[in-house]
């Protein structure tokens, strides 16, 4: 996929966006930038009357992912558009495609893969025994979709947000890596069986 440059990942990665219960859709070819804002595990310092300080933990904040991309249409299932992802509900598959404003809020998994495996084609797929790194979030909501033409080209800024844990404390963020001595396995299907609502464990 990509060689490391000076020991760091650069230029390109594979991005798979998956609607819960749906297929993996590959968005790397449409995407210019990726930004991951992991929620802070902050602290508060409380002064005591004796001059000491007590540290109070602040619960980890939500994680936000932002993509700048260049959709060709609104077709999310064709991996050529993002409007259906934001609007939610059933995706239109009959031309001309229509994505109407909706109160639906769908759940998504986003998987981003950096790898030296030149045969890799999906952010959610398996890698060969090559150096690889993958960042995965599940049960995220698409919270923002902002089209603009300010650069003389139609660009959408797409944002997802998620809690770091579900309501029973199960982690909804996972990072995977290998030094090339083994593979990264393909991710399991993103559905209610592997990722049950309120589940105490997930099958990644």
Protein backbone atom coordinates (compact mmCIF):
# COMPACT_ATOMS: atom_id res chain seq x y z
CA UNK A 1 0.00 0.00 0.00
CA UNK A 2 2.58 2.58 1.09
CA UNK A 3 6.19 2.59 2.16
CA UNK A 4 7.17 4.24 5.40
CA UNK A 5 9.07 7.49 4.92
CA UNK A 6 11.81 8.16 7.49
CA UNK A 7 10.07 5.74 9.86
CA UNK A 8 6.66 7.45 9.70
CA UNK A 9 3.46 6.94 7.75
CA UNK A 10 2.81 9.54 5.07
CA UNK A 11 0.58 10.48 2.14
CA UNK A 12 -2.03 7.73 1.93
CA UNK A 13 -4.17 5.28 3.88
CA UNK A 14 -7.22 3.07 3.35
CA UNK A 15 -10.56 4.18 4.82
CA UNK A 16 -13.60 1.91 5.23
CA UNK A 17 -16.92 3.37 6.42
CA UNK A 18 -19.57 0.82 7.38
CA UNK A 19 -23.20 1.44 8.25
CA UNK A 20 -24.34 -0.93 11.01
CA UNK A 21 -25.68 -4.06 9.37
CA UNK A 22 -24.23 -3.03 6.01
CA UNK A 23 -21.15 -3.56 3.87
CA UNK A 24 -17.73 -1.90 4.00
CA UNK A 25 -17.49 1.11 1.69
CA UNK A 26 -14.05 2.37 0.71
CA UNK A 27 -13.55 6.14 0.82
CA UNK A 28 -9.79 6.65 0.58
CA UNK A 29 -9.89 7.68 -3.08
CA UNK A 30 -12.27 10.58 -2.35
CA UNK A 31 -10.56 11.79 0.83
CA UNK A 32 -7.94 14.51 1.13
CA UNK A 33 -7.41 14.84 4.87
CA UNK A 34 -8.13 12.82 8.00
CA UNK A 35 -8.19 14.31 11.51
CA UNK A 36 -8.74 12.28 14.68
CA UNK A 37 -9.51 14.19 17.85
CA UNK A 38 -9.42 11.62 20.62
CA UNK A 39 -11.35 12.75 23.66
CA UNK A 40 -9.10 14.06 26.42
CA UNK A 41 -8.64 12.11 29.64
CA UNK A 42 -8.37 15.33 31.55
CA UNK A 43 -7.83 16.08 35.22
CA UNK A 44 -8.86 18.85 37.57
CA UNK A 45 -6.63 20.05 40.38
CA UNK A 46 -8.44 20.98 43.59
CA UNK A 47 -6.53 23.07 46.14
CA UNK A 48 -6.94 22.21 49.80
CA UNK A 49 -6.85 24.71 52.70
CA UNK A 50 -3.56 23.22 53.84
CA UNK A 51 -1.87 24.21 50.59
CA UNK A 52 -1.97 20.77 49.02
CA UNK A 53 -3.55 19.68 45.78
CA UNK A 54 -5.97 16.84 45.07
CA UNK A 55 -6.27 15.45 41.57
CA UNK A 56 -9.77 14.73 40.30
CA UNK A 57 -10.20 12.65 37.13
CA UNK A 58 -12.51 13.97 34.41
CA UNK A 59 -14.31 11.28 32.36
CA UNK A 60 -12.87 10.85 28.87
CA UNK A 61 -14.59 13.12 26.34
CA UNK A 62 -16.08 12.06 23.00
CA UNK A 63 -13.84 11.28 20.02
CA UNK A 64 -14.34 13.18 16.76
CA UNK A 65 -13.19 12.20 13.27
CA UNK A 66 -13.16 14.68 10.39
CA UNK A 67 -12.64 14.00 6.69
CA UNK A 68 -12.31 16.43 3.81
CA UNK A 69 -13.47 14.71 0.65
CA UNK A 70 -14.58 15.30 -2.93
CA UNK A 71 -17.84 13.44 -3.59
CA UNK A 72 -18.91 12.87 -7.19
CA UNK A 73 -22.58 12.38 -6.29
CA UNK A 74 -24.66 11.35 -3.23
CA UNK A 75 -24.17 7.58 -3.59
CA UNK A 76 -22.80 6.20 -0.30
CA UNK A 77 -23.23 2.58 -1.43
CA UNK A 78 -21.07 3.33 -4.44
CA UNK A 79 -18.43 4.99 -2.25
CA UNK A 80 -18.72 8.09 -4.44
CA UNK A 81 -20.81 10.29 -2.14
CA UNK A 82 -21.41 11.11 1.51
CA UNK A 83 -24.81 12.86 1.62
CA UNK A 84 -26.71 9.61 2.29
CA UNK A 85 -24.41 8.92 5.24
CA UNK A 86 -25.32 12.24 6.84
CA UNK A 87 -29.05 12.26 6.05
CA UNK A 88 -29.55 8.71 7.34
CA UNK A 89 -32.27 6.12 6.83
CA UNK A 90 -32.63 3.92 3.74
CA UNK A 91 -30.20 4.78 0.96
CA UNK A 92 -31.76 5.43 -2.45
CA UNK A 93 -30.38 3.08 -5.10
CA UNK A 94 -32.55 4.11 -8.08
CA UNK A 95 -31.35 6.90 -10.37
CA UNK A 96 -31.76 9.78 -9.99
CA UNK A 97 -30.63 9.35 -6.40
CA UNK A 98 -32.27 11.44 -3.68
CA UNK A 99 -31.08 12.11 -0.11
CA UNK A 100 -33.68 14.08 1.84
CA UNK A 101 -33.32 15.77 5.22
CA UNK A 102 -34.12 13.21 7.88
CA UNK A 103 -34.33 12.81 11.65
CA UNK A 104 -32.66 9.39 11.33
CA UNK A 105 -29.28 8.92 13.00
CA UNK A 106 -27.44 5.83 11.77
CA UNK A 107 -24.51 4.13 13.47
CA UNK A 108 -21.20 3.70 11.66
CA UNK A 109 -17.83 2.01 11.99
CA UNK A 110 -14.81 3.80 10.57
CA UNK A 111 -11.58 1.89 10.00
CA UNK A 112 -8.38 3.59 8.83
CA UNK A 113 -5.45 1.42 7.77
CA UNK A 114 -1.85 2.37 7.10
CA UNK A 115 0.15 -0.58 5.75
CA UNK A 116 3.11 -1.61 3.64
CA UNK A 117 0.99 -4.41 2.17
CA UNK A 118 0.66 -3.38 -1.49
CA UNK A 119 -2.16 -5.90 -2.01
CA UNK A 120 -4.40 -4.42 0.70
CA UNK A 121 -7.55 -2.79 -0.69
CA UNK A 122 -9.76 -2.15 2.34
CA UNK A 123 -9.38 -0.34 5.64
CA UNK A 124 -11.29 -3.23 7.25
CA UNK A 125 -9.51 -6.03 5.38
CA UNK A 126 -6.66 -8.36 6.27
CA UNK A 127 -3.03 -7.51 5.68
CA UNK A 128 -0.08 -9.68 4.78
CA UNK A 129 2.93 -9.98 7.10
CA UNK A 130 3.83 -6.33 6.58
CA UNK A 131 4.17 -3.38 8.94
CA UNK A 132 0.64 -2.10 9.50
CA UNK A 133 -1.37 0.18 11.77
CA UNK A 134 -5.16 0.42 12.01
CA UNK A 135 -7.41 2.79 13.95
CA UNK A 136 -11.04 1.69 14.38
CA UNK A 137 -14.09 3.29 15.96
CA UNK A 138 -17.57 1.80 16.23
CA UNK A 139 -21.03 3.17 16.99
CA UNK A 140 -20.20 6.62 15.71
CA UNK A 141 -22.75 9.14 14.45
CA UNK A 142 -22.27 11.36 11.42
CA UNK A 143 -22.81 14.76 13.03
CA UNK A 144 -21.76 17.20 10.31
CA UNK A 145 -21.63 17.38 6.52
CA UNK A 146 -20.60 20.77 5.14
CA UNK A 147 -20.30 21.30 1.37
CA UNK A 148 -18.22 24.22 0.12
CA UNK A 149 -16.99 25.59 -3.19
CA UNK A 150 -14.60 28.15 -1.72
CA UNK A 151 -11.52 26.56 -3.32
CA UNK A 152 -13.16 26.41 -6.75
CA UNK A 153 -13.88 22.69 -6.33
CA UNK A 154 -16.80 21.02 -4.56
CA UNK A 155 -15.53 19.75 -1.22
CA UNK A 156 -17.42 18.22 1.69
CA UNK A 157 -16.20 18.25 5.29
CA UNK A 158 -17.65 15.19 7.01
CA UNK A 159 -17.52 14.65 10.78
CA UNK A 160 -18.30 11.69 13.03
CA UNK A 161 -18.54 11.62 16.82
CA UNK A 162 -18.70 8.75 19.29
CA UNK A 163 -18.38 7.99 22.96
CA UNK A 164 -15.19 6.12 23.91
CA UNK A 165 -17.33 3.53 25.75
CA UNK A 166 -20.88 2.27 25.41
CA UNK A 167 -23.35 2.57 28.27
CA UNK A 168 -21.95 -0.47 30.13
CA UNK A 169 -18.32 0.59 29.70
CA UNK A 170 -17.28 -1.51 26.67
CA UNK A 171 -14.57 0.18 24.60
CA UNK A 172 -15.74 1.54 21.24
CA UNK A 173 -12.26 2.48 20.01
CA UNK A 174 -9.52 0.01 19.13
CA UNK A 175 -6.04 0.36 17.65
CA UNK A 176 -4.17 -2.51 16.00
CA UNK A 177 -0.62 -2.77 14.71
CA UNK A 178 2.00 -5.29 13.65
CA UNK A 179 5.74 -4.95 13.09
CA UNK A 180 5.47 -7.21 10.05
CA UNK A 181 6.02 -10.48 11.90
CA UNK A 182 2.32 -11.36 11.63
CA UNK A 183 -0.85 -10.22 9.87
CA UNK A 184 -3.72 -7.99 10.85
CA UNK A 185 -6.89 -10.05 10.50
CA UNK A 186 -9.89 -8.72 8.63
CA UNK A 187 -12.43 -7.01 10.84
CA UNK A 188 -15.62 -8.89 11.64
CA UNK A 189 -18.93 -7.77 10.18
CA UNK A 190 -20.27 -4.63 11.81
CA UNK A 191 -23.71 -5.80 12.91
CA UNK A 192 -25.89 -6.25 15.99
CA UNK A 193 -24.51 -9.75 16.61
CA UNK A 194 -20.85 -8.71 16.82
CA UNK A 195 -21.57 -5.27 18.27
CA UNK A 196 -24.77 -5.59 20.34
CA UNK A 197 -26.25 -2.46 21.86
CA UNK A 198 -25.23 -2.45 25.51
CA UNK A 199 -22.94 -5.44 24.92
CA UNK A 200 -20.32 -6.21 27.55
CA UNK A 201 -17.89 -7.30 24.79
CA UNK A 202 -17.57 -6.84 21.03
CA UNK A 203 -16.24 -9.17 18.34
CA UNK A 204 -13.83 -6.93 16.48
